[in-house]
Amino acid sequence: MMKIRLFCAAGMSTSILVDKMKIAAKEKNIEVDIEAFPESQLAKCLENVDVALLGPQVGYKLPKVKVICQAKGIPVEVIPMVDYGMMNGAKVLEFALKLSAK
């Protein structure tokens, strides 16, 4: 099972995206554990995580977050603005899967 964590400003709008990602994963028969958290909790929420994604609103923190995630061997990137804005769960799931394969 793949463990994906999304981090944003407060974890509110991202929880909608998480639900859509779970639906997309179910349709593709992919087992995932996806949750959203405020970016401020990132360091506490990386246990056994396969991929970390940042919401565009906290994308400016990517350099700092990369240091934390790279030390744990976790790929991290900012969710593309268009996919986040459209709440396109399938595209963001695909983005996370490609990121984990690198």
N, C-alpha and C. Protein backbone atom coordinates (compact mmCIF):
# COMPACT_ATOMS: atom_id res chain seq x y z
N MET A 1 0.84 -1.18 0.00
CA MET A 1 0.00 0.00 0.00
C MET A 1 0.88 1.24 0.00
N MET A 2 0.54 2.17 -0.86
CA MET A 2 1.30 3.42 -0.95
C MET A 2 0.74 4.44 0.03
N LYS A 3 1.66 5.11 0.72
CA LYS A 3 1.27 6.12 1.71
C LYS A 3 1.63 7.51 1.17
N ILE A 4 0.60 8.32 0.93
CA ILE A 4 0.77 9.67 0.37
C ILE A 4 0.26 10.68 1.39
N ARG A 5 1.04 11.73 1.60
CA ARG A 5 0.62 12.80 2.51
C ARG A 5 0.63 14.12 1.76
N LEU A 6 -0.46 14.87 1.92
CA LEU A 6 -0.58 16.19 1.33
C LEU A 6 -0.50 17.22 2.45
N PHE A 7 0.23 18.28 2.19
CA PHE A 7 0.40 19.34 3.19
C PHE A 7 0.02 20.68 2.57
N CYS A 8 -0.80 21.43 3.29
CA CYS A 8 -1.22 22.74 2.80
C CYS A 8 -1.27 23.71 3.97
N ALA A 9 -1.90 24.85 3.75
CA ALA A 9 -1.94 25.88 4.78
C ALA A 9 -2.69 25.40 6.03
N ALA A 10 -3.90 24.86 5.84
CA ALA A 10 -4.68 24.44 7.00
C ALA A 10 -5.21 23.02 6.90
N GLY A 11 -5.11 22.39 5.74
CA GLY A 11 -5.59 21.03 5.58
C GLY A 11 -7.06 20.95 5.21
N MET A 12 -7.71 22.08 4.97
CA MET A 12 -9.15 22.09 4.70
C MET A 12 -9.46 21.73 3.25
N SER A 13 -9.11 22.60 2.31
CA SER A 13 -9.44 22.34 0.91
C SER A 13 -8.73 21.09 0.39
N THR A 14 -7.57 20.82 0.94
CA THR A 14 -6.82 19.65 0.49
C THR A 14 -7.55 18.37 0.85
N SER A 15 -8.37 18.38 1.91
CA SER A 15 -9.11 17.17 2.28
C SER A 15 -10.12 16.79 1.19
N ILE A 16 -10.63 17.78 0.47
CA ILE A 16 -11.52 17.50 -0.67
C ILE A 16 -10.74 16.78 -1.76
N LEU A 17 -9.53 17.27 -2.02
CA LEU A 17 -8.67 16.65 -3.03
C LEU A 17 -8.32 15.22 -2.62
N VAL A 18 -8.06 14.99 -1.34
CA VAL A 18 -7.75 13.65 -0.84
C VAL A 18 -8.90 12.70 -1.17
N ASP A 19 -10.13 13.12 -0.91
CA ASP A 19 -11.30 12.28 -1.20
C ASP A 19 -11.35 11.92 -2.68
N LYS A 20 -11.07 12.89 -3.55
CA LYS A 20 -11.10 12.65 -4.98
C LYS A 20 -9.95 11.73 -5.42
N MET A 21 -8.81 11.85 -4.76
CA MET A 21 -7.68 10.96 -5.05
C MET A 21 -8.02 9.53 -4.64
N LYS A 22 -8.68 9.37 -3.51
CA LYS A 22 -9.08 8.03 -3.05
C LYS A 22 -10.06 7.38 -4.02
N ILE A 23 -10.99 8.17 -4.55
CA ILE A 23 -11.94 7.65 -5.54
C ILE A 23 -11.19 7.21 -6.80
N ALA A 24 -10.26 8.04 -7.26
CA ALA A 24 -9.46 7.70 -8.45
C ALA A 24 -8.65 6.43 -8.23
N ALA A 25 -8.07 6.28 -7.04
CA ALA A 25 -7.28 5.09 -6.72
C ALA A 25 -8.16 3.85 -6.71
N LYS A 26 -9.35 3.97 -6.16
CA LYS A 26 -10.28 2.83 -6.10
C LYS A 26 -10.66 2.41 -7.52
N GLU A 27 -10.92 3.39 -8.39
CA GLU A 27 -11.27 3.10 -9.78
C GLU A 27 -10.14 2.38 -10.51
N LYS A 28 -8.90 2.69 -10.12
CA LYS A 28 -7.73 2.08 -10.77
C LYS A 28 -7.23 0.86 -9.99
N ASN A 29 -7.95 0.49 -8.94
CA ASN A 29 -7.61 -0.67 -8.12
C ASN A 29 -6.21 -0.54 -7.51
N ILE A 30 -5.89 0.67 -7.02
CA ILE A 30 -4.61 0.95 -6.40
C ILE A 30 -4.85 1.15 -4.91
N GLU A 31 -4.11 0.42 -4.08
CA GLU A 31 -4.26 0.58 -2.63
C GLU A 31 -3.41 1.75 -2.15
N VAL A 32 -4.08 2.73 -1.54
CA VAL A 32 -3.39 3.92 -1.05
C VAL A 32 -3.89 4.31 0.33
N ASP A 33 -3.03 4.98 1.04
CA ASP A 33 -3.36 5.60 2.32
C ASP A 33 -3.03 7.07 2.10
N ILE A 34 -4.06 7.90 1.95
CA ILE A 34 -3.86 9.32 1.64
C ILE A 34 -4.50 10.16 2.72
N GLU A 35 -3.73 11.12 3.25
CA GLU A 35 -4.26 12.04 4.25
C GLU A 35 -3.69 13.42 4.01
N ALA A 36 -4.41 14.43 4.50
CA ALA A 36 -3.97 15.82 4.39
C ALA A 36 -3.74 16.40 5.78
N PHE A 37 -2.70 17.22 5.87
CA PHE A 37 -2.34 17.86 7.14
C PHE A 37 -1.90 19.29 6.87
N PRO A 38 -1.97 20.14 7.88
CA PRO A 38 -1.38 21.47 7.75
C PRO A 38 0.14 21.32 7.59
N GLU A 39 0.73 22.20 6.81
CA GLU A 39 2.18 22.14 6.58
C GLU A 39 2.96 22.20 7.88
N SER A 40 2.43 22.88 8.86
CA SER A 40 3.12 23.01 10.15
C SER A 40 3.33 21.66 10.85
N GLN A 41 2.59 20.62 10.44
CA GLN A 41 2.72 19.30 11.05
C GLN A 41 3.57 18.34 10.22
N LEU A 42 4.16 18.84 9.16
CA LEU A 42 4.90 17.99 8.23
C LEU A 42 5.92 17.10 8.92
N ALA A 43 6.78 17.67 9.72
CA ALA A 43 7.86 16.90 10.34
C ALA A 43 7.34 15.74 11.19
N LYS A 44 6.12 15.87 11.74
CA LYS A 44 5.54 14.83 12.59
C LYS A 44 4.76 13.78 11.80
N CYS A 45 4.52 14.03 10.53
CA CYS A 45 3.62 13.18 9.75
C CYS A 45 4.30 12.44 8.60
N LEU A 46 5.58 12.17 8.72
CA LEU A 46 6.31 11.54 7.62
C LEU A 46 6.68 10.08 7.87
N GLU A 47 6.18 9.51 8.93
CA GLU A 47 6.49 8.11 9.27
C GLU A 47 6.01 7.17 8.16
N ASN A 48 6.94 6.42 7.57
CA ASN A 48 6.64 5.43 6.52
C ASN A 48 5.90 6.00 5.31
N VAL A 49 6.10 7.28 5.01
CA VAL A 49 5.45 7.92 3.88
C VAL A 49 6.24 7.63 2.60
N ASP A 50 5.51 7.37 1.51
CA ASP A 50 6.14 7.11 0.21
C ASP A 50 6.30 8.38 -0.61
N VAL A 51 5.33 9.30 -0.50
CA VAL A 51 5.35 10.56 -1.26
C VAL A 51 4.72 11.67 -0.42
N ALA A 52 5.33 12.84 -0.46
CA ALA A 52 4.75 14.03 0.19
C ALA A 52 4.45 15.06 -0.90
N LEU A 53 3.28 15.67 -0.81
CA LEU A 53 2.90 16.70 -1.77
C LEU A 53 2.53 17.97 -1.03
N LEU A 54 2.94 19.10 -1.59
CA LEU A 54 2.60 20.39 -1.00
C LEU A 54 1.52 21.07 -1.84
N GLY A 55 0.57 21.69 -1.17
CA GLY A 55 -0.42 22.50 -1.86
C GLY A 55 0.27 23.72 -2.43
N PRO A 56 -0.22 24.25 -3.55
CA PRO A 56 0.42 25.41 -4.17
C PRO A 56 0.55 26.61 -3.23
N GLN A 57 -0.38 26.76 -2.29
CA GLN A 57 -0.34 27.91 -1.38
C GLN A 57 0.86 27.87 -0.42
N VAL A 58 1.48 26.71 -0.25
CA VAL A 58 2.69 26.62 0.58
C VAL A 58 3.89 26.17 -0.24
N GLY A 59 3.77 26.29 -1.55
CA GLY A 59 4.84 25.88 -2.46
C GLY A 59 6.15 26.61 -2.21
N TYR A 60 6.06 27.83 -1.69
CA TYR A 60 7.28 28.60 -1.40
C TYR A 60 8.15 27.93 -0.33
N LYS A 61 7.58 26.98 0.40
CA LYS A 61 8.33 26.28 1.46
C LYS A 61 9.05 25.03 0.93
N LEU A 62 8.93 24.76 -0.37
CA LEU A 62 9.51 23.55 -0.94
C LEU A 62 11.00 23.36 -0.62
N PRO A 63 11.85 24.38 -0.76
CA PRO A 63 13.27 24.15 -0.46
C PRO A 63 13.50 23.63 0.97
N LYS A 64 12.82 24.22 1.93
CA LYS A 64 12.95 23.80 3.33
C LYS A 64 12.39 22.38 3.52
N VAL A 65 11.26 22.12 2.91
CA VAL A 65 10.60 20.81 3.04
C VAL A 65 11.43 19.72 2.36
N LYS A 66 12.07 20.06 1.23
CA LYS A 66 12.91 19.07 0.53
C LYS A 66 14.03 18.57 1.43
N VAL A 67 14.61 19.46 2.21
CA VAL A 67 15.69 19.06 3.13
C VAL A 67 15.18 18.02 4.12
N ILE A 68 14.02 18.28 4.68
CA ILE A 68 13.42 17.37 5.67
C ILE A 68 13.08 16.03 5.01
N CYS A 69 12.44 16.08 3.85
CA CYS A 69 12.00 14.86 3.18
C CYS A 69 13.17 14.05 2.61
N GLN A 70 14.14 14.73 2.03
CA GLN A 70 15.29 14.01 1.45
C GLN A 70 16.06 13.26 2.52
N ALA A 71 16.12 13.81 3.72
CA ALA A 71 16.81 13.12 4.81
C ALA A 71 16.12 11.80 5.15
N LYS A 72 14.84 11.69 4.82
CA LYS A 72 14.08 10.47 5.08
C LYS A 72 13.84 9.65 3.81
N GLY A 73 14.40 10.12 2.69
CA GLY A 73 14.24 9.41 1.42
C GLY A 73 12.85 9.51 0.83
N ILE A 74 12.15 10.61 1.12
CA ILE A 74 10.78 10.79 0.65
C ILE A 74 10.75 11.84 -0.46
N PRO A 75 10.26 11.46 -1.66
CA PRO A 75 10.14 12.47 -2.72
C PRO A 75 9.04 13.46 -2.36
N VAL A 76 9.27 14.73 -2.69
CA VAL A 76 8.29 15.79 -2.40
C VAL A 76 8.28 16.80 -3.53
N GLU A 77 7.09 17.25 -3.88
CA GLU A 77 6.93 18.29 -4.90
C GLU A 77 5.66 19.06 -4.60
N VAL A 78 5.50 20.17 -5.31
CA VAL A 78 4.29 20.99 -5.19
C VAL A 78 3.26 20.48 -6.20
N ILE A 79 2.03 20.32 -5.75
CA ILE A 79 0.95 19.89 -6.62
C ILE A 79 0.76 20.96 -7.70
N PRO A 80 0.68 20.55 -8.98
CA PRO A 80 0.47 21.54 -10.04
C PRO A 80 -0.79 22.38 -9.77
N MET A 81 -0.66 23.69 -9.94
CA MET A 81 -1.74 24.64 -9.63
C MET A 81 -3.05 24.29 -10.33
N VAL A 82 -2.99 23.94 -11.60
CA VAL A 82 -4.21 23.65 -12.36
C VAL A 82 -4.93 22.44 -11.77
N ASP A 83 -4.18 21.37 -11.49
CA ASP A 83 -4.79 20.16 -10.94
C ASP A 83 -5.36 20.40 -9.55
N TYR A 84 -4.66 21.22 -8.77
CA TYR A 84 -5.14 21.55 -7.42
C TYR A 84 -6.42 22.39 -7.52
N GLY A 85 -6.38 23.40 -8.37
CA GLY A 85 -7.53 24.30 -8.52
C GLY A 85 -8.77 23.59 -9.03
N MET A 86 -8.57 22.61 -9.90
CA MET A 86 -9.69 21.85 -10.46
C MET A 86 -10.06 20.67 -9.55
N MET A 87 -9.30 20.49 -8.47
CA MET A 87 -9.51 19.34 -7.57
C MET A 87 -9.53 18.04 -8.37
N ASN A 88 -8.55 17.91 -9.27
CA ASN A 88 -8.46 16.75 -10.15
C ASN A 88 -7.70 15.62 -9.43
N GLY A 89 -8.44 14.83 -8.69
CA GLY A 89 -7.85 13.76 -7.91
C GLY A 89 -7.08 12.74 -8.74
N ALA A 90 -7.60 12.42 -9.91
CA ALA A 90 -6.93 11.44 -10.77
C ALA A 90 -5.56 11.95 -11.21
N LYS A 91 -5.48 13.21 -11.61
CA LYS A 91 -4.19 13.78 -12.07
C LYS A 91 -3.19 13.88 -10.92
N VAL A 92 -3.66 14.28 -9.74
CA VAL A 92 -2.75 14.42 -8.60
C VAL A 92 -2.28 13.04 -8.14
N LEU A 93 -3.16 12.04 -8.20
CA LEU A 93 -2.75 10.67 -7.87
C LEU A 93 -1.67 10.21 -8.85
N GLU A 94 -1.89 10.46 -10.13
CA GLU A 94 -0.91 10.09 -11.16
C GLU A 94 0.43 10.81 -10.91
N PHE A 95 0.35 12.08 -10.55
CA PHE A 95 1.55 12.87 -10.22
C PHE A 95 2.31 12.22 -9.06
N ALA A 96 1.59 11.82 -8.02
CA ALA A 96 2.22 11.18 -6.85
C ALA A 96 2.84 9.84 -7.23
N LEU A 97 2.16 9.06 -8.04
CA LEU A 97 2.69 7.75 -8.46
C LEU A 97 3.97 7.91 -9.27
N LYS A 98 3.98 8.89 -10.18
CA LYS A 98 5.20 9.14 -10.99
C LYS A 98 6.34 9.62 -10.09
N LEU A 99 6.03 10.44 -9.12
CA LEU A 99 7.03 10.96 -8.21
C LEU A 99 7.66 9.82 -7.39
N SER A 100 6.85 8.87 -6.97
CA SER A 100 7.36 7.78 -6.16
C SER A 100 8.20 6.82 -6.97
N ALA A 101 8.00 6.80 -8.28
CA ALA A 101 8.73 5.87 -9.15
C ALA A 101 10.12 6.38 -9.51
N LYS A 102 10.40 7.65 -9.21
CA LYS A 102 11.71 8.23 -9.55
C LYS A 102 12.81 7.66 -8.71
